[in-house]
Amino acid sequence: MREKVLLICSECLSRNYTTTIKKGEGKNLELKKFCKHCGKQTVHKISK
């Protein structure tokens, strides 16, 4: 089973991306993605 999660920018805290992860996987996913609000690549984390 997979669940949808929101990714938020670690700098401006805007919710930019949605993705799916396996249930039971770690909740500490960090991806480097482009933030259109900051205008640069930043670390995005799972929203709580």
Protein backbone atom coordinates (compact mmCIF):
# COMPACT_ATOMS: atom_id res chain seq x y z
CA MET A 1 0.00 0.00 0.00
CA ARG A 2 1.22 3.51 -0.76
CA GLU A 3 0.26 6.79 0.84
CA LYS A 4 0.37 10.35 -0.52
CA VAL A 5 2.59 12.87 1.25
CA LEU A 6 3.26 16.57 0.75
CA LEU A 7 6.79 17.92 0.39
CA ILE A 8 7.55 21.36 1.82
CA CYS A 9 10.50 23.62 1.14
CA SER A 10 12.85 23.87 4.11
CA GLU A 11 13.55 27.58 3.45
CA CYS A 12 10.21 29.24 2.61
CA LEU A 13 7.91 26.46 3.95
CA SER A 14 5.71 26.41 0.84
CA ARG A 15 4.05 23.11 -0.08
CA ASN A 16 5.25 22.44 -3.63
CA TYR A 17 5.15 18.73 -4.42
CA THR A 18 3.12 15.62 -3.70
CA THR A 19 4.56 12.13 -3.90
CA THR A 20 3.78 8.61 -2.72
CA ILE A 21 5.76 6.45 -0.31
CA LYS A 22 5.29 2.91 0.93
CA LYS A 23 3.47 2.62 4.23
CA GLY A 24 5.95 1.80 6.97
CA GLU A 25 8.82 3.54 5.16
CA GLY A 26 10.79 6.13 7.06
CA LYS A 27 9.13 9.48 7.54
CA ASN A 28 12.42 11.34 7.09
CA LEU A 29 12.47 11.61 3.30
CA GLU A 30 14.53 14.55 2.05
CA LEU A 31 14.79 15.39 -1.64
CA LYS A 32 16.51 18.24 -3.43
CA LYS A 33 13.87 19.87 -5.62
CA PHE A 34 13.37 23.21 -7.37
CA CYS A 35 11.23 25.66 -5.40
CA LYS A 36 9.42 28.13 -7.67
CA HIS A 37 8.93 30.55 -4.77
CA CYS A 38 12.63 30.66 -3.76
CA GLY A 39 13.85 30.33 -7.35
CA LYS A 40 16.52 27.74 -6.53
CA GLN A 41 17.06 24.11 -5.59
CA THR A 42 16.40 23.46 -1.91
CA VAL A 43 15.87 20.49 0.38
CA HIS A 44 12.21 19.43 0.59
CA LYS A 45 10.94 17.38 3.53
CA ILE A 46 7.72 15.53 4.29
CA SER A 47 5.04 17.74 5.78
CA LYS A 48 3.56 16.77 9.16
